[in-house]
C-alpha atoms as a PDB file:
ATOM      1  CA  MET A   1      83.734 126.833 116.612  1.00  0.00           C
ATOM      2  CA  PHE A   2      86.530 124.305 115.948  1.00  0.00           C
ATOM      3  CA  ALA A   3      88.263 122.485 118.729  1.00  0.00           C
ATOM      4  CA  ILE A   4      90.568 119.524 119.367  1.00  0.00           C
ATOM      5  CA  ASP A   5      90.479 117.865 122.790  1.00  0.00           C
ATOM      6  CA  ARG A   6      92.178 114.799 124.308  1.00  0.00           C
ATOM      7  CA  GLN A   7      90.640 112.081 126.387  1.00  0.00           C
ATOM      8  CA  ASP A   8      92.621 109.501 128.311  1.00  0.00           C
ATOM      9  CA  SER A   9      91.180 106.028 128.825  1.00  0.00           C
ATOM     10  CA  GLN A  10      92.504 102.699 127.574  1.00  0.00           C
ATOM     11  CA  TYR A  11      93.856 104.594 124.583  1.00  0.00           C
ATOM     12  CA  GLN A  12      94.459 108.301 124.260  1.00  0.00           C
ATOM     13  CA  THR A  13      91.734 109.662 122.005  1.00  0.00           C
ATOM     14  CA  TYR A  14      91.789 112.923 120.042  1.00  0.00           C
ATOM     15  CA  ILE A  15      88.364 114.538 119.589  1.00  0.00           C
ATOM     16  CA  LEU A  16      87.899 116.979 116.697  1.00  0.00           C
ATOM     17  CA  SER A  17      84.731 119.016 116.802  1.00  0.00           C
ATOM     18  CA  ASP A  18      82.748 121.679 114.972  1.00  0.00           C
ATOM     19  CA  SER A  19      80.296 123.048 117.483  1.00  0.00           C
ATOM     20  CA  SER A  20      78.364 125.107 114.948  1.00  0.00           C
ATOM     21  CA  ALA A  21      77.431 121.979 113.050  1.00  0.00           C
ATOM     22  CA  ASP A  22      77.278 119.629 116.051  1.00  0.00           C
ATOM     23  CA  SER A  23      79.905 117.497 114.337  1.00  0.00           C
ATOM     24  CA  ARG A  24      82.562 115.453 116.109  1.00  0.00           C
ATOM     25  CA  LEU A  25      85.305 112.940 115.175  1.00  0.00           C
ATOM     26  CA  GLU A  26      87.242 110.672 117.499  1.00  0.00           C
ATOM     27  CA  ILE A  27      90.656 109.347 116.506  1.00  0.00           C
ATOM     28  CA  VAL A  28      92.924 106.832 118.322  1.00  0.00           C
ATOM     29  CA  PRO A  29      96.495 107.206 117.033  1.00  0.00           C
ATOM     30  CA  GLU A  30      97.895 104.282 119.169  1.00  0.00           C
ATOM     31  CA  ARG A  31      95.354 101.807 117.633  1.00  0.00           C
ATOM     32  CA  GLY A  32      96.194 102.011 113.997  1.00  0.00           C
ATOM     33  CA  GLY A  33      95.469 105.712 113.603  1.00  0.00           C
ATOM     34  CA  ILE A  34      91.734 104.767 113.399  1.00  0.00           C
ATOM     35  CA  ALA A  35      88.767 107.112 113.400  1.00  0.00           C
ATOM     36  CA  THR A  36      86.419 105.373 115.777  1.00  0.00           C
ATOM     37  CA  ARG A  37      83.335 107.618 115.901  1.00  0.00           C
ATOM     38  CA  TRP A  38      82.023 110.320 113.608  1.00  0.00           C
ATOM     39  CA  GLN A  39      78.972 112.437 114.399  1.00  0.00           C
ATOM     40  CA  ALA A  40      77.416 114.784 111.761  1.00  0.00           C
ATOM     41  CA  SER A  41      74.618 117.188 112.793  1.00  0.00           C
ATOM     42  CA  GLY A  42      74.366 115.230 116.045  1.00  0.00           C
ATOM     43  CA  ARG A  43      73.840 111.904 114.214  1.00  0.00           C
ATOM     44  CA  PRO A  44      76.305 108.924 114.612  1.00  0.00           C
ATOM     45  CA  MET A  45      77.567 107.796 111.248  1.00  0.00           C
ATOM     46  CA  LEU A  46      79.863 104.988 112.084  1.00  0.00           C
ATOM     47  CA  TYR A  47      79.341 101.485 113.569  1.00  0.00           C
ATOM     48  CA  PHE A  48      81.843 100.716 116.293  1.00  0.00           C
ATOM     49  CA  ASP A  49      82.264  97.561 118.337  1.00  0.00           C
ATOM     50  CA  ALA A  50      83.745  98.962 121.570  1.00  0.00           C
ATOM     51  CA  ASP A  51      84.125  95.641 123.308  1.00  0.00           C
ATOM     52  CA  ARG A  52      86.180  94.145 120.470  1.00  0.00           C
ATOM     53  CA  PHE A  53      88.268  97.354 120.211  1.00  0.00           C
ATOM     54  CA  ALA A  54      89.172  97.050 123.917  1.00  0.00           C
ATOM     55  CA  ASN A  55      90.940  93.729 123.182  1.00  0.00           C
ATOM     56  CA  PRO A  56      94.252  94.493 121.489  1.00  0.00           C
ATOM     57  CA  GLU A  57      94.497  90.871 120.301  1.00  0.00           C
ATOM     58  CA  LEU A  58      91.475  91.328 118.040  1.00  0.00           C
ATOM     59  CA  SER A  59      91.169  93.217 114.758  1.00  0.00           C
ATOM     60  CA  VAL A  60      89.007  96.258 114.994  1.00  0.00           C
ATOM     61  CA  ARG A  61      85.351  95.922 113.766  1.00  0.00           C
ATOM     62  CA  GLY A  62      84.063  99.379 113.138  1.00  0.00           C
ATOM     63  CA  GLY A  63      85.201 102.929 112.624  1.00  0.00           C
ATOM     64  CA  ILE A  64      87.454 103.620 109.617  1.00  0.00           C
ATOM     65  CA  PRO A  65      90.413 101.258 109.559  1.00  0.00           C
ATOM     66  CA  ILE A  66      93.381 102.105 107.349  1.00  0.00           C
ATOM     67  CA  LEU A  67      94.478  99.669 104.663  1.00  0.00           C
ATOM     68  CA  PHE A  68      98.120  99.596 103.681  1.00  0.00           C
ATOM     69  CA  PRO A  69     100.294  98.290 101.945  1.00  0.00           C
ATOM     70  CA  ILE A  70      97.574  95.928 100.630  1.00  0.00           C
ATOM     71  CA  CYS A  71      93.814  95.864 100.390  1.00  0.00           C
ATOM     72  CA  GLY A  72      92.079  92.619 101.009  1.00  0.00           C
ATOM     73  CA  ASN A  73      93.884  89.341 101.523  1.00  0.00           C
ATOM     74  CA  LEU A  74      96.575  87.355  99.638  1.00  0.00           C
ATOM     75  CA  PRO A  75      96.601  83.675  98.657  1.00  0.00           C
ATOM     76  CA  ASP A  76      98.146  81.940 101.745  1.00  0.00           C
ATOM     77  CA  ASN A  77      98.880  85.492 103.055  1.00  0.00           C
ATOM     78  CA  THR A  78     102.081  85.507 100.941  1.00  0.00           C
ATOM     79  CA  TYR A  79     103.608  87.561  98.172  1.00  0.00           C
ATOM     80  CA  THR A  80     106.983  87.618  96.447  1.00  0.00           C
ATOM     81  CA  ASP A  81     109.491  90.440  96.054  1.00  0.00           C
ATOM     82  CA  GLY A  82     112.370  89.452  93.820  1.00  0.00           C
ATOM     83  CA  ASP A  83     113.473  85.999  95.028  1.00  0.00           C
ATOM     84  CA  LYS A  84     112.004  86.344  98.506  1.00  0.00           C
ATOM     85  CA  THR A  85     108.619  85.420  99.838  1.00  0.00           C
ATOM     86  CA  TYR A  86     106.958  87.490 102.603  1.00  0.00           C
ATOM     87  CA  THR A  87     103.871  86.894 104.775  1.00  0.00           C
ATOM     88  CA  LEU A  88     101.404  89.763 104.987  1.00  0.00           C
ATOM     89  CA  LYS A  89      98.041  89.407 106.602  1.00  0.00           C
ATOM     90  CA  GLN A  90      94.761  90.786 105.339  1.00  0.00           C
ATOM     91  CA  HIS A  91      94.684  94.524 104.690  1.00  0.00           C
ATOM     92  CA  GLY A  92      98.243  94.994 105.746  1.00  0.00           C
ATOM     93  CA  PHE A  93      99.746  96.302 109.001  1.00  0.00           C
ATOM     94  CA  ALA A  94      98.879 100.037 109.151  1.00  0.00           C
ATOM     95  CA  ARG A  95      95.609  99.398 110.962  1.00  0.00           C
ATOM     96  CA  ASP A  96      97.438  97.521 113.800  1.00  0.00           C
ATOM     97  CA  LEU A  97     100.471  99.708 114.481  1.00  0.00           C
ATOM     98  CA  PRO A  98     100.632 102.832 116.657  1.00  0.00           C
ATOM     99  CA  TRP A  99     100.761 106.139 114.750  1.00  0.00           C
ATOM    100  CA  THR A 100     102.286 109.413 115.898  1.00  0.00           C
ATOM    101  CA  VAL A 101     100.554 112.701 116.174  1.00  0.00           C
ATOM    102  CA  ALA A 102     102.501 115.176 113.931  1.00  0.00           C
ATOM    103  CA  GLU A 103     100.443 118.316 113.932  1.00  0.00           C
ATOM    104  CA  SER A 104      97.010 119.785 114.569  1.00  0.00           C
ATOM    105  CA  THR A 105      95.119 122.971 113.784  1.00  0.00           C
ATOM    106  CA  THR A 106      91.745 124.606 114.360  1.00  0.00           C
ATOM    107  CA  ASP A 107      92.195 127.217 111.610  1.00  0.00           C
ATOM    108  CA  ASN A 108      89.085 127.027 109.360  1.00  0.00           C
ATOM    109  CA  CYS A 109      88.557 123.379 110.343  1.00  0.00           C
ATOM    110  CA  ALA A 110      89.559 120.849 113.009  1.00  0.00           C
ATOM    111  CA  SER A 111      92.571 119.029 111.522  1.00  0.00           C
ATOM    112  CA  LEU A 112      94.838 116.298 112.930  1.00  0.00           C
ATOM    113  CA  THR A 113      97.802 114.707 111.096  1.00  0.00           C
ATOM    114  CA  LEU A 114      99.176 111.319 112.064  1.00  0.00           C
ATOM    115  CA  THR A 115     102.344 109.599 110.759  1.00  0.00           C
ATOM    116  CA  LEU A 116     103.552 106.040 110.456  1.00  0.00           C
ATOM    117  CA  GLU A 117     107.139 105.200 109.492  1.00  0.00           C
ATOM    118  CA  SER A 118     108.751 101.934 108.473  1.00  0.00           C
ATOM    119  CA  ASN A 119     110.508 100.018 111.238  1.00  0.00           C
ATOM    120  CA  ASP A 120     111.918  96.608 111.970  1.00  0.00           C
ATOM    121  CA  LEU A 121     108.450  95.122 112.351  1.00  0.00           C
ATOM    122  CA  THR A 122     107.241  96.453 108.992  1.00  0.00           C
ATOM    123  CA  ARG A 123     110.466  95.606 107.085  1.00  0.00           C
ATOM    124  CA  ALA A 124     110.093  92.002 108.153  1.00  0.00           C
ATOM    125  CA  VAL A 125     106.911  91.726 106.157  1.00  0.00           C
ATOM    126  CA  TYR A 126     107.322  94.640 103.662  1.00  0.00           C
ATOM    127  CA  PRO A 127     110.981  95.407 102.773  1.00  0.00           C
ATOM    128  CA  PHE A 128     110.658  99.099 102.015  1.00  0.00           C
ATOM    129  CA  ASP A 129     111.360 102.340 103.804  1.00  0.00           C
ATOM    130  CA  PHE A 130     108.310 104.612 103.820  1.00  0.00           C
ATOM    131  CA  ARG A 131     106.435 107.294 105.723  1.00  0.00           C
ATOM    132  CA  LEU A 132     102.676 107.802 105.777  1.00  0.00           C
ATOM    133  CA  ALA A 133     101.090 111.074 106.792  1.00  0.00           C
ATOM    134  CA  PHE A 134      97.308 110.954 107.100  1.00  0.00           C
ATOM    135  CA  THR A 135      95.365 114.148 107.827  1.00  0.00           C
ATOM    136  CA  TYR A 136      91.799 114.071 109.152  1.00  0.00           C
ATOM    137  CA  ARG A 137      89.863 117.316 108.501  1.00  0.00           C
ATOM    138  CA  LEU A 138      86.452 117.991 110.033  1.00  0.00           C
ATOM    139  CA  LYS A 139      84.268 120.863 108.953  1.00  0.00           C
ATOM    140  CA  GLY A 140      80.517 120.965 109.165  1.00  0.00           C
ATOM    141  CA  ASN A 141      79.120 117.633 107.904  1.00  0.00           C
ATOM    142  CA  THR A 142      82.206 116.897 105.847  1.00  0.00           C
ATOM    143  CA  LEU A 143      85.088 114.645 106.830  1.00  0.00           C
ATOM    144  CA  GLU A 144      88.197 114.586 104.655  1.00  0.00           C
ATOM    145  CA  ILE A 145      91.049 112.083 104.935  1.00  0.00           C
ATOM    146  CA  ILE A 146      94.096 113.274 103.028  1.00  0.00           C
ATOM    147  CA  GLN A 147      96.706 110.521 102.707  1.00  0.00           C
ATOM    148  CA  ARG A 148     100.303 111.156 101.756  1.00  0.00           C
ATOM    149  CA  HIS A 149     102.593 108.261 100.965  1.00  0.00           C
ATOM    150  CA  PHE A 150     106.360 108.800 100.848  1.00  0.00           C
ATOM    151  CA  ASN A 151     108.817 106.356  99.367  1.00  0.00           C
ATOM    152  CA  LEU A 152     112.040 106.715 101.363  1.00  0.00           C
ATOM    153  CA  ASP A 153     113.649 103.680  99.761  1.00  0.00           C
ATOM    154  CA  ASP A 154     116.134 103.511  96.916  1.00  0.00           C
ATOM    155  CA  ARG A 155     113.893 101.421  94.714  1.00  0.00           C
ATOM    156  CA  ILE A 156     110.295 101.479  93.446  1.00  0.00           C
ATOM    157  CA  MET A 157     107.821 100.787  96.258  1.00  0.00           C
ATOM    158  CA  PRO A 158     104.685  98.788  95.235  1.00  0.00           C
ATOM    159  CA  PHE A 159     101.515  99.136  97.332  1.00  0.00           C
ATOM    160  CA  SER A 160      97.758  99.507  97.475  1.00  0.00           C
ATOM    161  CA  THR A 161      95.975 101.934  99.773  1.00  0.00           C
ATOM    162  CA  GLY A 162      92.400 102.104 100.982  1.00  0.00           C
ATOM    163  CA  LEU A 163      89.894 102.800 103.765  1.00  0.00           C
ATOM    164  CA  HIS A 164      87.433 100.355 105.347  1.00  0.00           C
ATOM    165  CA  PRO A 165      84.603 102.575 106.806  1.00  0.00           C
ATOM    166  CA  TYR A 166      81.815 100.891 108.768  1.00  0.00           C
ATOM    167  CA  PHE A 167      78.643 102.899 108.316  1.00  0.00           C
ATOM    168  CA  LEU A 168      75.854 102.561 110.872  1.00  0.00           C
ATOM    169  CA  VAL A 169      72.501 101.280 109.621  1.00  0.00           C
ATOM    170  CA  SER A 170      69.342 100.119 111.362  1.00  0.00           C
ATOM    171  CA  ASP A 171      67.385  98.769 108.384  1.00  0.00           C
ATOM    172  CA  LYS A 172      69.380  97.780 105.272  1.00  0.00           C
ATOM    173  CA  THR A 173      66.199  97.413 103.290  1.00  0.00           C
ATOM    174  CA  GLN A 174      65.838 101.203 103.397  1.00  0.00           C
ATOM    175  CA  LEU A 175      69.209 101.825 101.750  1.00  0.00           C
ATOM    176  CA  GLN A 176      69.430 103.186  98.191  1.00  0.00           C
ATOM    177  CA  PHE A 177      72.763 102.913  96.373  1.00  0.00           C
ATOM    178  CA  ASP A 178      74.103 105.107  93.642  1.00  0.00           C
ATOM    179  CA  ILE A 179      77.378 103.412  92.745  1.00  0.00           C
ATOM    180  CA  PRO A 180      79.165 104.413  89.476  1.00  0.00           C
ATOM    181  CA  SER A 181      79.367 100.971  87.948  1.00  0.00           C
ATOM    182  CA  ASP A 182      76.853  98.495  86.550  1.00  0.00           C
ATOM    183  CA  ARG A 183      78.894  95.393  87.196  1.00  0.00           C
ATOM    184  CA  TYR A 184      80.744  93.908  90.157  1.00  0.00           C
ATOM    185  CA  TRP A 185      82.921  90.919  90.992  1.00  0.00           C
ATOM    186  CA  ASP A 186      81.351  88.669  93.629  1.00  0.00           C
ATOM    187  CA  GLN A 187      84.389  87.851  95.801  1.00  0.00           C
ATOM    188  CA  LYS A 188      82.504  85.049  97.606  1.00  0.00           C
ATOM    189  CA  ASN A 189      81.657  83.094  94.497  1.00  0.00           C
ATOM    190  CA  ASN A 190      84.285  84.433  92.052  1.00  0.00           C
ATOM    191  CA  VAL A 191      81.752  85.454  89.351  1.00  0.00           C
ATOM    192  CA  ALA A 192      80.912  88.767  87.666  1.00  0.00           C
ATOM    193  CA  ARG A 193      77.390  90.037  88.081  1.00  0.00           C
ATOM    194  CA  THR A 194      75.242  92.878  86.776  1.00  0.00           C
ATOM    195  CA  PHE A 195      74.304  95.546  89.355  1.00  0.00           C
ATOM    196  CA  ASP A 196      70.857  97.086  89.247  1.00  0.00           C
ATOM    197  CA  GLY A 197      71.235  99.183  92.436  1.00  0.00           C
ATOM    198  CA  ARG A 198      70.140  96.393  94.787  1.00  0.00           C
ATOM    199  CA  PHE A 199      71.856  93.654  96.858  1.00  0.00           C
ATOM    200  CA  ASP A 200      70.353  90.365  98.024  1.00  0.00           C
ATOM    201  CA  LEU A 201      70.169  91.118 101.738  1.00  0.00           C
ATOM    202  CA  ASP A 202      69.023  87.566 102.538  1.00  0.00           C
ATOM    203  CA  LEU A 203      72.639  86.387 101.987  1.00  0.00           C
ATOM    204  CA  ASP A 204      74.700  85.775 105.109  1.00  0.00           C
ATOM    205  CA  GLU A 205      77.549  87.777 103.630  1.00  0.00           C
ATOM    206  CA  ILE A 206      77.913  90.153 100.743  1.00  0.00           C
ATOM    207  CA  ASP A 207      81.439  90.861  99.516  1.00  0.00           C
ATOM    208  CA  VAL A 208      81.620  92.476  96.036  1.00  0.00           C
ATOM    209  CA  ALA A 209      84.079  94.748  94.250  1.00  0.00           C
ATOM    210  CA  PHE A 210      83.085  97.384  91.728  1.00  0.00           C
ATOM    211  CA  ALA A 211      85.629  98.293  89.069  1.00  0.00           C
ATOM    212  CA  SER A 212      85.380 100.434  85.828  1.00  0.00           C
ATOM    213  CA  LEU A 213      84.088 103.303  87.963  1.00  0.00           C
ATOM    214  CA  THR A 214      82.485 106.030  85.789  1.00  0.00           C
ATOM    215  CA  ARG A 215      82.877 108.854  88.278  1.00  0.00           C
ATOM    216  CA  GLU A 216      84.728 109.697  91.466  1.00  0.00           C
ATOM    217  CA  SER A 217      81.805 109.587  93.924  1.00  0.00           C
ATOM    218  CA  ALA A 218      79.131 107.222  95.268  1.00  0.00           C
ATOM    219  CA  THR A 219      76.031 108.028  97.362  1.00  0.00           C
ATOM    220  CA  VAL A 220      74.002 105.944  99.776  1.00  0.00           C
ATOM    221  CA  LYS A 221      70.596 107.194 100.976  1.00  0.00           C
ATOM    222  CA  ASP A 222      69.242 105.781 104.186  1.00  0.00           C
ATOM    223  CA  GLY A 223      65.460 106.198 104.231  1.00  0.00           C
ATOM    224  CA  ASP A 224      65.140 104.964 107.790  1.00  0.00           C
ATOM    225  CA  ARG A 225      67.671 107.382 109.290  1.00  0.00           C
ATOM    226  CA  GLN A 226      66.823 110.194 106.784  1.00  0.00           C
ATOM    227  CA  THR A 227      70.461 110.699 105.771  1.00  0.00           C
ATOM    228  CA  SER A 228      72.351 110.804 102.511  1.00  0.00           C
ATOM    229  CA  LEU A 229      76.042 109.987 102.526  1.00  0.00           C
ATOM    230  CA  THR A 230      78.324 110.805  99.576  1.00  0.00           C
ATOM    231  CA  ILE A 231      81.841 109.302  99.287  1.00  0.00           C
ATOM    232  CA  GLU A 232      84.179 111.248  97.034  1.00  0.00           C
ATOM    233  CA  TYR A 233      87.637 110.021  96.051  1.00  0.00           C
ATOM    234  CA  ASN A 234      90.380 110.866  93.573  1.00  0.00           C
ATOM    235  CA  SER A 235      91.152 108.912  90.413  1.00  0.00           C
ATOM    236  CA  LEU A 236      93.796 106.721  92.098  1.00  0.00           C
ATOM    237  CA  TYR A 237      90.935 104.692  93.634  1.00  0.00           C
ATOM    238  CA  SER A 238      90.079 102.066  91.002  1.00  0.00           C
ATOM    239  CA  ARG A 239      87.720  99.969  93.142  1.00  0.00           C
ATOM    240  CA  LEU A 240      84.724 100.290  95.481  1.00  0.00           C
ATOM    241  CA  VAL A 241      84.160  97.265  97.737  1.00  0.00           C
ATOM    242  CA  PHE A 242      80.798  96.685  99.376  1.00  0.00           C
ATOM    243  CA  TRP A 243      80.776  94.320 102.324  1.00  0.00           C
ATOM    244  CA  THR A 244      78.193  93.470 105.019  1.00  0.00           C
ATOM    245  CA  LEU A 245      77.072  90.598 107.205  1.00  0.00           C
ATOM    246  CA  LYS A 246      73.490  89.612 107.803  1.00  0.00           C
ATOM    247  CA  GLY A 247      72.160  90.671 111.181  1.00  0.00           C
ATOM    248  CA  LYS A 248      74.870  93.326 111.726  1.00  0.00           C
ATOM    249  CA  ASP A 249      74.056  96.982 111.974  1.00  0.00           C
ATOM    250  CA  TYR A 250      76.654  98.174 109.447  1.00  0.00           C
ATOM    251  CA  TYR A 251      77.590  98.170 105.809  1.00  0.00           C
ATOM    252  CA  CYS A 252      81.040  98.987 104.409  1.00  0.00           C
ATOM    253  CA  LEU A 253      81.635 100.889 101.183  1.00  0.00           C
ATOM    254  CA  GLU A 254      85.376 100.983 100.780  1.00  0.00           C
ATOM    255  CA  PRO A 255      87.578 102.943  98.337  1.00  0.00           C
ATOM    256  CA  TRP A 256      90.518 100.804  97.324  1.00  0.00           C
ATOM    257  CA  SER A 257      93.385 101.847  94.949  1.00  0.00           C
ATOM    258  CA  GLY A 258      93.661  98.216  93.703  1.00  0.00           C
ATOM    259  CA  PRO A 259      92.039  94.787  93.938  1.00  0.00           C
ATOM    260  CA  ARG A 260      92.985  91.868  96.223  1.00  0.00           C
ATOM    261  CA  ASN A 261      96.356  90.341  95.476  1.00  0.00           C
ATOM    262  CA  ALA A 262      97.469  93.371  93.432  1.00  0.00           C
ATOM    263  CA  ILE A 263     100.936  93.080  94.989  1.00  0.00           C
ATOM    264  CA  ASN A 264     101.380  89.754  93.218  1.00  0.00           C
ATOM    265  CA  THR A 265      99.425  90.467  90.033  1.00  0.00           C
ATOM    266  CA  ALA A 266     100.408  94.132  89.605  1.00  0.00           C
ATOM    267  CA  ASP A 267      96.722  94.909  88.640  1.00  0.00           C
ATOM    268  CA  SER A 268      96.216  98.589  89.391  1.00  0.00           C
ATOM    269  CA  LEU A 269      99.210  98.431  91.740  1.00  0.00           C
ATOM    270  CA  ILE A 270     100.722 101.770  92.704  1.00  0.00           C
ATOM    271  CA  GLN A 271     104.477 101.803  92.043  1.00  0.00           C
ATOM    272  CA  LEU A 272     105.972 104.817  93.687  1.00  0.00           C
ATOM    273  CA  HIS A 273     109.475 105.916  92.605  1.00  0.00           C
ATOM    274  CA  PRO A 274     112.303 106.510  95.081  1.00  0.00           C
ATOM    275  CA  ASN A 275     112.257 109.779  96.980  1.00  0.00           C
ATOM    276  CA  SER A 276     108.729 110.490  95.662  1.00  0.00           C
ATOM    277  CA  SER A 277     105.386 110.995  97.306  1.00  0.00           C
ATOM    278  CA  LEU A 278     101.805 110.360  96.395  1.00  0.00           C
ATOM    279  CA  THR A 279      98.655 111.994  97.786  1.00  0.00           C
ATOM    280  CA  THR A 280      95.234 110.443  97.789  1.00  0.00           C
ATOM    281  CA  LEU A 281      91.940 111.878  99.079  1.00  0.00           C
ATOM    282  CA  VAL A 282      88.691 110.476 100.409  1.00  0.00           C
ATOM    283  CA  ARG A 283      85.858 112.761 101.432  1.00  0.00           C
ATOM    284  CA  PHE A 284      82.617 111.818 103.245  1.00  0.00           C
ATOM    285  CA  VAL A 285      79.710 114.305 103.116  1.00  0.00           C
ATOM    286  CA  VAL A 286      76.449 113.896 104.917  1.00  0.00           C
ATOM    287  CA  HIS A 287      73.307 115.610 103.681  1.00  0.00           C
END
């Protein structure tokens, strides 16, 4: 029923499957611990640019990239810690570094845990000792990503955490959104707008952030593909970001723990005490 296989190509890929549900998840630890493909009831759920992925010099466009220790970008890609200034590029470094496979199981689900630990490269841009342990769990048409963050440093560790899923879509006009907020911040124009459940799909780019979330789930119905996708998240996620480009077969609905530039402003910034851990959860369910 549940299985975990490995496939060797440009990158070693772990394939989690639930044969009874015709569900499958592909994960590439070496390339940012990313989930590249997810299939539920035989239907592909994620957009994935395989050609771009094959070039290690390019950022990944597709799958479910991991955002840590920041979500979004910073002014001039810089932030300060004490009297020092550091450079940190958009969405942080976790999506670019190789992760390590820590454990796996096929008991009651197909589950794979990956870890990422601080090193000289991370300390140069983020001066904290940490360990991340992300567990992917596949069962039926449900994908869970359990994210554990460990502060191994001797001082408080500030960070934001998030995911950047690219969902496959063939006709965006057939999407219906149930997002638990009636206002968003337009990150292109820096204005607040009222949300009535629709986006202006004639725009070249839509990049908006929903705050003041009234519940811990959002649902997108795709009339063209006859699917309904629910994203569930725990209360540590204070934002949902919607992003898409005109003419591209994807939309992104991203759970973020804090807004852009939180590491400078401290807005909804997680501050984890020394020798402590924090667990966050995101669950995707297809109906």
